[in-house]
C-alpha atoms as a PDB file:
ATOM      1  CA  MET A   1      -0.144  -0.002   0.023  1.00  0.00           C
ATOM      2  CA  THR A   2       1.202   3.383  -0.830  1.00  0.00           C
ATOM      3  CA  ALA A   3       1.939   6.213   1.531  1.00  0.00           C
ATOM      4  CA  SER A   4      -0.872   8.298  -0.649  1.00  0.00           C
ATOM      5  CA  ALA A   5      -3.174   5.577   0.052  1.00  0.00           C
ATOM      6  CA  ILE A   6      -2.990   5.672   3.878  1.00  0.00           C
ATOM      7  CA  LEU A   7      -1.984   9.384   4.322  1.00  0.00           C
ATOM      8  CA  GLY A   8      -4.591  10.745   1.601  1.00  0.00           C
ATOM      9  CA  ARG A   9      -3.559  11.717  -2.044  1.00  0.00           C
ATOM     10  CA  ARG A  10      -1.285  14.697  -2.512  1.00  0.00           C
ATOM     11  CA  SER A  11      -0.486  16.411  -6.132  1.00  0.00           C
ATOM     12  CA  PRO A  12       2.694  15.160  -7.811  1.00  0.00           C
ATOM     13  CA  LEU A  13       4.236  18.797  -7.136  1.00  0.00           C
ATOM     14  CA  ALA A  14       3.228  18.891  -3.372  1.00  0.00           C
ATOM     15  CA  LEU A  15       4.350  15.090  -2.947  1.00  0.00           C
ATOM     16  CA  GLY A  16       7.952  16.096  -4.754  1.00  0.00           C
ATOM     17  CA  LYS A  17       8.801  18.647  -2.669  1.00  0.00           C
ATOM     18  CA  ARG A  18       7.831  17.217   0.549  1.00  0.00           C
ATOM     19  CA  MET A  19       9.672  13.919  -0.620  1.00  0.00           C
ATOM     20  CA  MET A  20      13.112  16.124  -1.148  1.00  0.00           C
ATOM     21  CA  SER A  21      12.613  17.821   1.938  1.00  0.00           C
ATOM     22  CA  SER A  22      12.119  14.500   3.683  1.00  0.00           C
ATOM     23  CA  SER A  23      15.138  13.111   2.318  1.00  0.00           C
ATOM     24  CA  SER A  24      17.122  15.969   3.417  1.00  0.00           C
ATOM     25  CA  ALA A  25      15.935  15.713   6.928  1.00  0.00           C
ATOM     26  CA  SER A  26      16.399  11.785   6.905  1.00  0.00           C
ATOM     27  CA  SER A  27      20.123  12.521   5.970  1.00  0.00           C
ATOM     28  CA  GLY A  28      20.470  15.262   8.771  1.00  0.00           C
ATOM     29  CA  ILE A  29      19.631  12.606  11.263  1.00  0.00           C
ATOM     30  CA  LYS A  30      22.665  12.087  12.992  1.00  0.00           C
ATOM     31  CA  ASN A  31      21.727  10.597  16.600  1.00  0.00           C
ATOM     32  CA  MET A  32      19.251   7.599  17.341  1.00  0.00           C
ATOM     33  CA  CYS A  33      18.286   6.499  20.628  1.00  0.00           C
ATOM     34  CA  VAL A  34      16.787   3.078  21.418  1.00  0.00           C
ATOM     35  CA  VAL A  35      14.729   2.431  24.448  1.00  0.00           C
ATOM     36  CA  GLY A  36      15.339  -1.088  25.426  1.00  0.00           C
ATOM     37  CA  ALA A  37      18.437  -3.066  25.353  1.00  0.00           C
ATOM     38  CA  GLY A  38      17.107  -6.573  24.604  1.00  0.00           C
ATOM     39  CA  GLN A  39      17.626  -8.613  21.792  1.00  0.00           C
ATOM     40  CA  MET A  40      15.365  -6.441  19.344  1.00  0.00           C
ATOM     41  CA  GLY A  41      16.827  -3.039  20.617  1.00  0.00           C
ATOM     42  CA  ILE A  42      20.448  -4.114  20.307  1.00  0.00           C
ATOM     43  CA  GLY A  43      19.596  -5.540  16.804  1.00  0.00           C
ATOM     44  CA  ILE A  44      18.085  -1.757  16.117  1.00  0.00           C
ATOM     45  CA  GLY A  45      20.825   0.328  17.344  1.00  0.00           C
ATOM     46  CA  LEU A  46      23.569  -2.225  15.836  1.00  0.00           C
ATOM     47  CA  VAL A  47      22.194  -1.607  12.384  1.00  0.00           C
ATOM     48  CA  ALA A  48      21.750   2.131  12.716  1.00  0.00           C
ATOM     49  CA  ALA A  49      25.234   2.379  14.103  1.00  0.00           C
ATOM     50  CA  ARG A  50      27.016   0.420  11.473  1.00  0.00           C
ATOM     51  CA  VAL A  51      25.208   0.599   8.367  1.00  0.00           C
ATOM     52  CA  ALA A  52      23.566   4.152   8.400  1.00  0.00           C
ATOM     53  CA  LYS A  53      26.611   5.570  10.593  1.00  0.00           C
ATOM     54  CA  LEU A  54      24.292   7.147  13.335  1.00  0.00           C
ATOM     55  CA  ASN A  55      25.431   7.667  16.875  1.00  0.00           C
ATOM     56  CA  VAL A  56      23.463   5.316  18.655  1.00  0.00           C
ATOM     57  CA  GLN A  57      22.243   5.862  22.579  1.00  0.00           C
ATOM     58  CA  PHE A  58      20.855   2.644  24.522  1.00  0.00           C
ATOM     59  CA  ILE A  59      18.461   3.299  27.569  1.00  0.00           C
ATOM     60  CA  ASP A  60      17.558   0.426  29.701  1.00  0.00           C
ATOM     61  CA  SER A  61      16.390   0.906  33.236  1.00  0.00           C
ATOM     62  CA  SER A  62      18.144  -2.290  34.087  1.00  0.00           C
ATOM     63  CA  PRO A  63      21.818  -1.808  34.263  1.00  0.00           C
ATOM     64  CA  ALA A  64      22.508  -5.992  34.199  1.00  0.00           C
ATOM     65  CA  GLN A  65      20.385  -5.773  30.745  1.00  0.00           C
ATOM     66  CA  LEU A  66      22.438  -2.999  29.458  1.00  0.00           C
ATOM     67  CA  GLU A  67      25.531  -4.862  30.092  1.00  0.00           C
ATOM     68  CA  LYS A  68      24.296  -8.110  28.642  1.00  0.00           C
ATOM     69  CA  GLY A  69      22.877  -6.162  25.696  1.00  0.00           C
ATOM     70  CA  LEU A  70      26.178  -4.285  24.522  1.00  0.00           C
ATOM     71  CA  ALA A  71      28.007  -7.407  25.460  1.00  0.00           C
ATOM     72  CA  PHE A  72      25.672  -9.122  22.879  1.00  0.00           C
ATOM     73  CA  LEU A  73      26.543  -6.664  20.446  1.00  0.00           C
ATOM     74  CA  ASP A  74      30.278  -6.680  20.629  1.00  0.00           C
ATOM     75  CA  LYS A  75      29.864 -10.634  20.369  1.00  0.00           C
ATOM     76  CA  LEU A  76      28.198  -9.891  16.913  1.00  0.00           C
ATOM     77  CA  LEU A  77      31.027  -7.547  15.824  1.00  0.00           C
ATOM     78  CA  ILE A  78      33.542  -9.754  16.809  1.00  0.00           C
ATOM     79  CA  LYS A  79      32.074 -12.413  14.865  1.00  0.00           C
ATOM     80  CA  ASP A  80      31.698 -10.622  11.903  1.00  0.00           C
ATOM     81  CA  VAL A  81      35.176  -9.765  12.011  1.00  0.00           C
ATOM     82  CA  THR A  82      35.998 -13.262  12.565  1.00  0.00           C
ATOM     83  CA  LYS A  83      34.133 -14.285   9.377  1.00  0.00           C
ATOM     84  CA  GLY A  84      35.702 -11.198   7.550  1.00  0.00           C
ATOM     85  CA  ARG A  85      32.177  -9.324   7.203  1.00  0.00           C
ATOM     86  CA  CYS A  86      33.981  -6.366   8.917  1.00  0.00           C
ATOM     87  CA  THR A  87      37.559  -5.391   9.902  1.00  0.00           C
ATOM     88  CA  GLU A  88      39.120  -4.620  13.314  1.00  0.00           C
ATOM     89  CA  ASP A  89      38.968  -0.639  12.690  1.00  0.00           C
ATOM     90  CA  GLU A  90      35.508  -0.955  11.546  1.00  0.00           C
ATOM     91  CA  ARG A  91      34.052  -2.690  14.742  1.00  0.00           C
ATOM     92  CA  SER A  92      36.204   0.185  16.552  1.00  0.00           C
ATOM     93  CA  ASP A  93      34.427   2.750  14.699  1.00  0.00           C
ATOM     94  CA  VAL A  94      30.915   1.176  15.456  1.00  0.00           C
ATOM     95  CA  LYS A  95      31.476   1.012  18.892  1.00  0.00           C
ATOM     96  CA  SER A  96      32.740   4.588  19.059  1.00  0.00           C
ATOM     97  CA  ARG A  97      29.514   5.549  17.938  1.00  0.00           C
ATOM     98  CA  ILE A  98      27.437   3.655  20.846  1.00  0.00           C
ATOM     99  CA  SER A  99      26.838   5.147  24.283  1.00  0.00           C
ATOM    100  CA  SER A 100      24.308   3.698  26.885  1.00  0.00           C
ATOM    101  CA  VAL A 101      22.354   5.510  29.859  1.00  0.00           C
ATOM    102  CA  SER A 102      19.815   3.943  32.462  1.00  0.00           C
ATOM    103  CA  SER A 103      17.090   6.674  32.179  1.00  0.00           C
ATOM    104  CA  ILE A 104      15.277   8.915  29.649  1.00  0.00           C
ATOM    105  CA  SER A 105      16.088  11.693  31.817  1.00  0.00           C
ATOM    106  CA  GLU A 106      19.784  11.363  31.237  1.00  0.00           C
ATOM    107  CA  MET A 107      19.528  10.560  27.389  1.00  0.00           C
ATOM    108  CA  THR A 108      21.399  13.416  25.401  1.00  0.00           C
ATOM    109  CA  ASN A 109      19.411  14.935  22.455  1.00  0.00           C
ATOM    110  CA  ALA A 110      18.129  12.378  19.717  1.00  0.00           C
ATOM    111  CA  ASP A 111      16.623  13.253  16.185  1.00  0.00           C
ATOM    112  CA  PHE A 112      15.226   9.862  16.114  1.00  0.00           C
ATOM    113  CA  VAL A 113      14.151   7.519  18.531  1.00  0.00           C
ATOM    114  CA  VAL A 114      12.853   3.794  18.401  1.00  0.00           C
ATOM    115  CA  GLU A 115      11.261   2.098  21.439  1.00  0.00           C
ATOM    116  CA  ALA A 116      11.777  -1.629  21.783  1.00  0.00           C
ATOM    117  CA  VAL A 117      10.526  -2.449  24.993  1.00  0.00           C
ATOM    118  CA  SER A 118       8.416  -5.515  25.719  1.00  0.00           C
ATOM    119  CA  GLU A 119       4.671  -5.833  24.375  1.00  0.00           C
ATOM    120  CA  ASN A 120       2.941  -3.702  26.916  1.00  0.00           C
ATOM    121  CA  ALA A 121       0.575  -0.885  25.781  1.00  0.00           C
ATOM    122  CA  GLU A 122       0.749   1.062  29.031  1.00  0.00           C
ATOM    123  CA  LEU A 123       4.359   0.857  29.194  1.00  0.00           C
ATOM    124  CA  LYS A 124       4.770   2.110  25.871  1.00  0.00           C
ATOM    125  CA  ARG A 125       2.337   4.872  26.288  1.00  0.00           C
ATOM    126  CA  LYS A 126       4.099   6.111  29.479  1.00  0.00           C
ATOM    127  CA  ILE A 127       7.626   5.839  27.803  1.00  0.00           C
ATOM    128  CA  PHE A 128       6.445   8.126  24.732  1.00  0.00           C
ATOM    129  CA  ALA A 129       4.713  10.543  27.093  1.00  0.00           C
ATOM    130  CA  GLU A 130       8.475  11.139  28.636  1.00  0.00           C
ATOM    131  CA  LEU A 131      10.253  11.227  25.716  1.00  0.00           C
ATOM    132  CA  SER A 132       7.950  13.946  24.155  1.00  0.00           C
ATOM    133  CA  GLU A 133       8.797  16.045  27.580  1.00  0.00           C
ATOM    134  CA  LYS A 134      12.365  15.468  27.184  1.00  0.00           C
ATOM    135  CA  LEU A 135      13.142  15.831  23.198  1.00  0.00           C
ATOM    136  CA  SER A 136      12.844  18.795  20.696  1.00  0.00           C
ATOM    137  CA  PRO A 137       9.611  19.038  18.681  1.00  0.00           C
ATOM    138  CA  GLU A 138      11.381  17.988  15.826  1.00  0.00           C
ATOM    139  CA  ALA A 139      12.206  14.436  17.033  1.00  0.00           C
ATOM    140  CA  ILE A 140      10.399  11.581  15.511  1.00  0.00           C
ATOM    141  CA  LEU A 141       9.569   8.571  18.002  1.00  0.00           C
ATOM    142  CA  ALA A 142       8.990   5.104  16.373  1.00  0.00           C
ATOM    143  CA  THR A 143       7.696   2.166  18.042  1.00  0.00           C
ATOM    144  CA  ASN A 144       8.913  -1.237  17.261  1.00  0.00           C
ATOM    145  CA  THR A 145       5.495  -2.652  18.579  1.00  0.00           C
ATOM    146  CA  SER A 146       4.444  -5.930  16.722  1.00  0.00           C
ATOM    147  CA  SER A 147       0.752  -5.798  17.384  1.00  0.00           C
ATOM    148  CA  ILE A 148      -0.200  -2.817  19.322  1.00  0.00           C
ATOM    149  CA  SER A 149      -2.074   0.136  17.959  1.00  0.00           C
ATOM    150  CA  ILE A 150       0.070   3.271  16.656  1.00  0.00           C
ATOM    151  CA  THR A 151      -2.986   5.504  17.155  1.00  0.00           C
ATOM    152  CA  LYS A 152      -3.154   4.427  20.901  1.00  0.00           C
ATOM    153  CA  ILE A 153       0.620   4.776  21.598  1.00  0.00           C
ATOM    154  CA  ALA A 154       1.001   8.325  19.807  1.00  0.00           C
ATOM    155  CA  SER A 155      -2.442   9.389  21.843  1.00  0.00           C
ATOM    156  CA  ALA A 156       0.479   9.849  24.940  1.00  0.00           C
ATOM    157  CA  ALA A 157       2.950  11.983  23.304  1.00  0.00           C
ATOM    158  CA  LYS A 158       2.789  15.728  23.105  1.00  0.00           C
ATOM    159  CA  ARG A 159       3.101  15.532  19.644  1.00  0.00           C
ATOM    160  CA  PRO A 160       1.189  12.540  17.985  1.00  0.00           C
ATOM    161  CA  GLU A 161       1.935  13.557  14.456  1.00  0.00           C
ATOM    162  CA  ASN A 162       5.673  12.611  15.037  1.00  0.00           C
ATOM    163  CA  VAL A 163       5.088   9.063  16.299  1.00  0.00           C
ATOM    164  CA  ILE A 164       5.225   6.235  13.684  1.00  0.00           C
ATOM    165  CA  GLY A 165       5.249   2.302  13.960  1.00  0.00           C
ATOM    166  CA  MET A 166       8.538   1.058  12.694  1.00  0.00           C
ATOM    167  CA  HIS A 167       8.379  -2.954  12.980  1.00  0.00           C
ATOM    168  CA  PHE A 168      11.618  -4.431  12.486  1.00  0.00           C
ATOM    169  CA  MET A 169      12.432  -8.391  12.038  1.00  0.00           C
ATOM    170  CA  ASN A 170      14.383 -10.708  14.521  1.00  0.00           C
ATOM    171  CA  PRO A 171      17.209 -11.053  14.026  1.00  0.00           C
ATOM    172  CA  VAL A 172      17.518  -7.469  13.000  1.00  0.00           C
ATOM    173  CA  PRO A 173      21.130  -7.292  11.536  1.00  0.00           C
ATOM    174  CA  VAL A 174      19.869 -10.035   9.188  1.00  0.00           C
ATOM    175  CA  MET A 175      16.591  -9.597   8.014  1.00  0.00           C
ATOM    176  CA  LYS A 176      15.754  -7.307   5.728  1.00  0.00           C
ATOM    177  CA  LEU A 177      12.360  -5.951   5.908  1.00  0.00           C
ATOM    178  CA  VAL A 178      10.861  -3.061   8.365  1.00  0.00           C
ATOM    179  CA  GLU A 179       6.995  -2.605   8.458  1.00  0.00           C
ATOM    180  CA  ILE A 180       6.060   0.813   8.603  1.00  0.00           C
ATOM    181  CA  ILE A 181       2.924   1.662  10.199  1.00  0.00           C
ATOM    182  CA  PRO A 182       1.626   5.255  10.212  1.00  0.00           C
ATOM    183  CA  GLY A 183      -1.101   5.899  13.141  1.00  0.00           C
ATOM    184  CA  LEU A 184      -4.109   8.135  12.607  1.00  0.00           C
ATOM    185  CA  GLN A 185      -2.248  11.209  13.858  1.00  0.00           C
ATOM    186  CA  THR A 186       1.218  10.374  11.964  1.00  0.00           C
ATOM    187  CA  SER A 187       1.927  13.347   9.648  1.00  0.00           C
ATOM    188  CA  LYS A 188       3.246  12.984   5.975  1.00  0.00           C
ATOM    189  CA  GLU A 189       6.471  14.318   6.636  1.00  0.00           C
ATOM    190  CA  THR A 190       7.164  11.433   9.720  1.00  0.00           C
ATOM    191  CA  LEU A 191       6.198   9.216   7.459  1.00  0.00           C
ATOM    192  CA  ASP A 192       8.522  10.141   4.352  1.00  0.00           C
ATOM    193  CA  ILE A 193      11.571  10.520   6.808  1.00  0.00           C
ATOM    194  CA  THR A 194      10.786   7.168   8.394  1.00  0.00           C
ATOM    195  CA  LEU A 195      10.754   5.515   4.953  1.00  0.00           C
ATOM    196  CA  GLU A 196      13.901   7.502   4.209  1.00  0.00           C
ATOM    197  CA  LEU A 197      15.607   6.194   7.124  1.00  0.00           C
ATOM    198  CA  ALA A 198      15.008   2.660   6.730  1.00  0.00           C
ATOM    199  CA  LYS A 199      16.282   2.945   3.308  1.00  0.00           C
ATOM    200  CA  ARG A 200      19.935   4.238   4.975  1.00  0.00           C
ATOM    201  CA  MET A 201      19.592   1.274   7.667  1.00  0.00           C
ATOM    202  CA  GLY A 202      19.680  -1.153   4.272  1.00  0.00           C
ATOM    203  CA  LYS A 203      16.205  -2.344   4.707  1.00  0.00           C
ATOM    204  CA  VAL A 204      13.310  -3.247   2.328  1.00  0.00           C
ATOM    205  CA  THR A 205       9.978  -1.478   3.767  1.00  0.00           C
ATOM    206  CA  THR A 206       6.227  -2.461   3.582  1.00  0.00           C
ATOM    207  CA  MET A 207       3.533  -0.472   4.694  1.00  0.00           C
ATOM    208  CA  SER A 208       0.428  -1.625   6.503  1.00  0.00           C
ATOM    209  CA  GLN A 209      -2.454   0.268   8.044  1.00  0.00           C
ATOM    210  CA  ASP A 210      -2.824   0.817  11.972  1.00  0.00           C
ATOM    211  CA  VAL A 211      -4.807  -2.560  12.735  1.00  0.00           C
ATOM    212  CA  PRO A 212      -3.893  -5.468  15.135  1.00  0.00           C
ATOM    213  CA  GLY A 213      -0.961  -7.411  14.102  1.00  0.00           C
ATOM    214  CA  PHE A 214      -0.244  -5.366  11.168  1.00  0.00           C
ATOM    215  CA  ILE A 215       0.777  -7.501   7.621  1.00  0.00           C
ATOM    216  CA  ALA A 216       3.111  -9.935   9.232  1.00  0.00           C
ATOM    217  CA  ASN A 217       1.969 -10.864  12.675  1.00  0.00           C
ATOM    218  CA  ARG A 218      -1.893 -10.842  11.688  1.00  0.00           C
ATOM    219  CA  LEU A 219      -0.724 -13.950   9.269  1.00  0.00           C
ATOM    220  CA  LEU A 220       2.349 -15.285  11.617  1.00  0.00           C
ATOM    221  CA  MET A 221       0.915 -15.586  15.024  1.00  0.00           C
ATOM    222  CA  PRO A 222      -2.214 -17.489  14.129  1.00  0.00           C
ATOM    223  CA  TYR A 223      -0.047 -20.386  12.527  1.00  0.00           C
ATOM    224  CA  ILE A 224       2.024 -20.479  15.205  1.00  0.00           C
ATOM    225  CA  ASN A 225      -0.981 -20.782  17.598  1.00  0.00           C
ATOM    226  CA  GLU A 226      -2.434 -23.549  15.388  1.00  0.00           C
ATOM    227  CA  ALA A 227       0.859 -25.235  15.783  1.00  0.00           C
ATOM    228  CA  VAL A 228       0.533 -25.199  19.632  1.00  0.00           C
ATOM    229  CA  ILE A 229      -2.809 -26.111  19.605  1.00  0.00           C
ATOM    230  CA  ALA A 230      -1.784 -29.189  17.634  1.00  0.00           C
ATOM    231  CA  LEU A 231       0.733 -29.986  19.959  1.00  0.00           C
ATOM    232  CA  GLN A 232      -1.999 -29.466  22.683  1.00  0.00           C
ATOM    233  CA  GLU A 233      -4.266 -31.848  21.215  1.00  0.00           C
ATOM    234  CA  GLY A 234      -1.596 -34.852  20.544  1.00  0.00           C
ATOM    235  CA  ILE A 235      -2.074 -34.392  17.109  1.00  0.00           C
ATOM    236  CA  ALA A 236       1.746 -35.081  16.487  1.00  0.00           C
ATOM    237  CA  SER A 237       5.001 -34.584  18.501  1.00  0.00           C
ATOM    238  CA  LYS A 238       6.842 -31.274  18.378  1.00  0.00           C
ATOM    239  CA  GLU A 239       9.275 -32.541  16.051  1.00  0.00           C
ATOM    240  CA  ASP A 240       6.776 -33.954  13.588  1.00  0.00           C
ATOM    241  CA  ILE A 241       4.601 -30.593  13.541  1.00  0.00           C
ATOM    242  CA  ASP A 242       8.116 -28.731  12.814  1.00  0.00           C
ATOM    243  CA  THR A 243       9.207 -31.472  10.358  1.00  0.00           C
ATOM    244  CA  THR A 244       6.054 -31.354   8.148  1.00  0.00           C
ATOM    245  CA  MET A 245       6.028 -27.657   8.091  1.00  0.00           C
ATOM    246  CA  LYS A 246       9.697 -27.531   6.985  1.00  0.00           C
ATOM    247  CA  LEU A 247       9.885 -29.918   4.518  1.00  0.00           C
ATOM    248  CA  GLY A 248       6.162 -29.965   3.178  1.00  0.00           C
ATOM    249  CA  THR A 249       5.950 -26.503   2.801  1.00  0.00           C
ATOM    250  CA  ASN A 250       9.556 -25.468   2.206  1.00  0.00           C
ATOM    251  CA  ASN A 251       9.935 -23.021   5.412  1.00  0.00           C
ATOM    252  CA  PRO A 252      13.312 -22.471   6.723  1.00  0.00           C
ATOM    253  CA  MET A 253      12.003 -23.698  10.404  1.00  0.00           C
ATOM    254  CA  GLY A 254       9.053 -24.983  11.969  1.00  0.00           C
ATOM    255  CA  PRO A 255       6.287 -23.179  13.852  1.00  0.00           C
ATOM    256  CA  LEU A 256       7.113 -24.333  17.230  1.00  0.00           C
ATOM    257  CA  THR A 257      10.928 -23.590  16.627  1.00  0.00           C
ATOM    258  CA  LEU A 258      10.078 -20.501  15.122  1.00  0.00           C
ATOM    259  CA  ALA A 259       8.085 -19.658  18.389  1.00  0.00           C
ATOM    260  CA  ASP A 260      10.627 -20.661  21.044  1.00  0.00           C
ATOM    261  CA  PHE A 261      13.034 -18.287  18.779  1.00  0.00           C
ATOM    262  CA  ILE A 262      10.747 -15.333  18.832  1.00  0.00           C
ATOM    263  CA  GLY A 263       9.568 -15.686  22.412  1.00  0.00           C
ATOM    264  CA  LEU A 264       6.518 -17.380  23.979  1.00  0.00           C
ATOM    265  CA  ASP A 265       5.904 -14.378  25.984  1.00  0.00           C
ATOM    266  CA  THR A 266       5.744 -12.320  22.975  1.00  0.00           C
ATOM    267  CA  CYS A 267       3.694 -14.666  21.086  1.00  0.00           C
ATOM    268  CA  LEU A 268       1.343 -14.865  23.779  1.00  0.00           C
ATOM    269  CA  ALA A 269       0.945 -11.058  24.114  1.00  0.00           C
ATOM    270  CA  ILE A 270       0.583 -10.791  20.409  1.00  0.00           C
ATOM    271  CA  MET A 271      -2.223 -13.195  19.939  1.00  0.00           C
ATOM    272  CA  LYS A 272      -4.184 -11.531  23.086  1.00  0.00           C
ATOM    273  CA  VAL A 273      -4.085  -8.207  21.287  1.00  0.00           C
ATOM    274  CA  LEU A 274      -5.400 -10.134  18.232  1.00  0.00           C
ATOM    275  CA  HIS A 275      -8.075 -11.517  20.369  1.00  0.00           C
ATOM    276  CA  THR A 276      -8.972  -8.660  22.109  1.00  0.00           C
ATOM    277  CA  GLU A 277      -8.701  -5.949  19.727  1.00  0.00           C
ATOM    278  CA  LEU A 278     -10.690  -8.118  16.666  1.00  0.00           C
ATOM    279  CA  GLY A 279     -12.919 -10.202  18.922  1.00  0.00           C
ATOM    280  CA  ASP A 280     -12.844 -13.119  17.030  1.00  0.00           C
ATOM    281  CA  SER A 281     -12.544 -16.367  18.789  1.00  0.00           C
ATOM    282  CA  LYS A 282      -9.855 -17.849  16.044  1.00  0.00           C
ATOM    283  CA  TYR A 283      -7.242 -15.857  17.553  1.00  0.00           C
ATOM    284  CA  ARG A 284      -7.825 -16.894  21.285  1.00  0.00           C
ATOM    285  CA  PRO A 285      -4.326 -18.017  22.502  1.00  0.00           C
ATOM    286  CA  ALA A 286      -3.722 -21.912  22.929  1.00  0.00           C
ATOM    287  CA  VAL A 287      -4.221 -22.868  26.625  1.00  0.00           C
ATOM    288  CA  LEU A 288      -0.643 -24.608  26.358  1.00  0.00           C
ATOM    289  CA  LEU A 289       1.127 -21.626  25.149  1.00  0.00           C
ATOM    290  CA  GLN A 290      -0.549 -19.612  28.233  1.00  0.00           C
ATOM    291  CA  LYS A 291       1.201 -22.439  30.573  1.00  0.00           C
ATOM    292  CA  TYR A 292       4.444 -22.382  28.899  1.00  0.00           C
ATOM    293  CA  VAL A 293       4.581 -18.517  29.950  1.00  0.00           C
ATOM    294  CA  ASP A 294       3.083 -19.196  33.393  1.00  0.00           C
ATOM    295  CA  ALA A 295       6.084 -21.855  33.672  1.00  0.00           C
ATOM    296  CA  GLY A 296       8.690 -19.418  32.901  1.00  0.00           C
ATOM    297  CA  TRP A 297       9.632 -21.260  29.810  1.00  0.00           C
ATOM    298  CA  LEU A 298       9.820 -18.400  27.294  1.00  0.00           C
ATOM    299  CA  GLY A 299      12.133 -20.126  24.628  1.00  0.00           C
ATOM    300  CA  VAL A 300      15.803 -19.862  23.596  1.00  0.00           C
ATOM    301  CA  LYS A 301      16.253 -16.628  25.944  1.00  0.00           C
ATOM    302  CA  SER A 302      15.140 -18.497  28.624  1.00  0.00           C
ATOM    303  CA  GLY A 303      16.638 -21.837  28.105  1.00  0.00           C
ATOM    304  CA  LYS A 304      13.819 -23.646  28.033  1.00  0.00           C
ATOM    305  CA  GLY A 305      10.538 -23.404  26.044  1.00  0.00           C
ATOM    306  CA  ILE A 306       8.642 -25.859  23.656  1.00  0.00           C
ATOM    307  CA  TYR A 307      12.160 -27.325  23.158  1.00  0.00           C
ATOM    308  CA  ASP A 308      15.046 -27.301  25.657  1.00  0.00           C
ATOM    309  CA  TYR A 309      18.061 -25.260  25.047  1.00  0.00           C
ATOM    310  CA  SER A 310      19.607 -25.779  28.304  1.00  0.00           C
ATOM    311  CA  SER A 311      22.634 -27.717  26.868  1.00  0.00           C
ATOM    312  CA  LYS A 312      23.480 -25.340  24.086  1.00  0.00           C
END
C-alpha cells in the first residue's frame, strides 16, 4: 500500500517537494536513541550505527540488561570480524558511536528514537509521554511494537504527528524487512523521513494500516498458535509438527521452533492483542502457550520453551 493511500492523496508537485525535504531531513538525522536493550533493541541500534553511521544511545532501566545487551552487540561484531564481514577498525568505529544510559532523563538529544520494550501498551504510552517531554519538537518517535495500535501509543505523546510504527524483524542485522505503520495522527513528513531512514539502514519497507498485528503478525501468529494447539491436542509430536511444515511447505524452520526463537511470551502477548482487539475466537491463545509462559518457559532466551536449550 502506498503512502498516499494511507495518508491521503497529494498533488505530484506537493509530494515531490515533500519527498525532497524529507530525504534531506533523513540525511540530517545523526543521533538515534533506542529504548530497550534486549535482543531487538540491540539489533536495531547495531544496524543504525554500522549501516546508517548514526550515533546510537541505548536506554534501559536495568543496568544488568544494558551490560548484557552491549556484550551481545560486541559479540556480534567480533563474529563479523572473524568471518571477514568487517575489519577490526570498522568494529572500533561502530563501538565509538555507541553509548548507554539507564533513564530517559539522562539521555542526550536525539533526532530519532526507536522504542523496543516488551509488548505492553501502558508501558509504551508511559515511555512516549516521557520522551515527548524530553526531546525537541522535531524529534521523531518510532515504536517497534509488533501488534499494538500506533494511534493509541501516539495519543500519549505531546506531538502525536511525530509518532510512527517501525516494526523490525528478528534478528535485525539479518532480516531485511521493516514494516512501517502510520497512526491516525502521523504526519506525511514523519512517514517520509522514516521510510528514508529505513533505506539508510539497508532495509526494505512495506506499509500497513494501523490494525492489530499489522501484516506479518496478523498472518504469522495465528499459524504459530495453531501449531501449539496441534501439540496441545496430541495431533503430533513437536518434532513432527515442525518437520512437516519445514519439508512439506519449504519453510526454513518449523512453527514451534520459530515460536521459541521469537519468545513464547511475545507470541502470547500478540495473540492476546489480536483476540481482544478483533474479538474473533479464532485468535484465542492456545491454553498450552499460556502454560509455558506461566512456567517461565519462554523459549531460547530462557533456556527452555517448547524445546529444551539448556545444554546449548
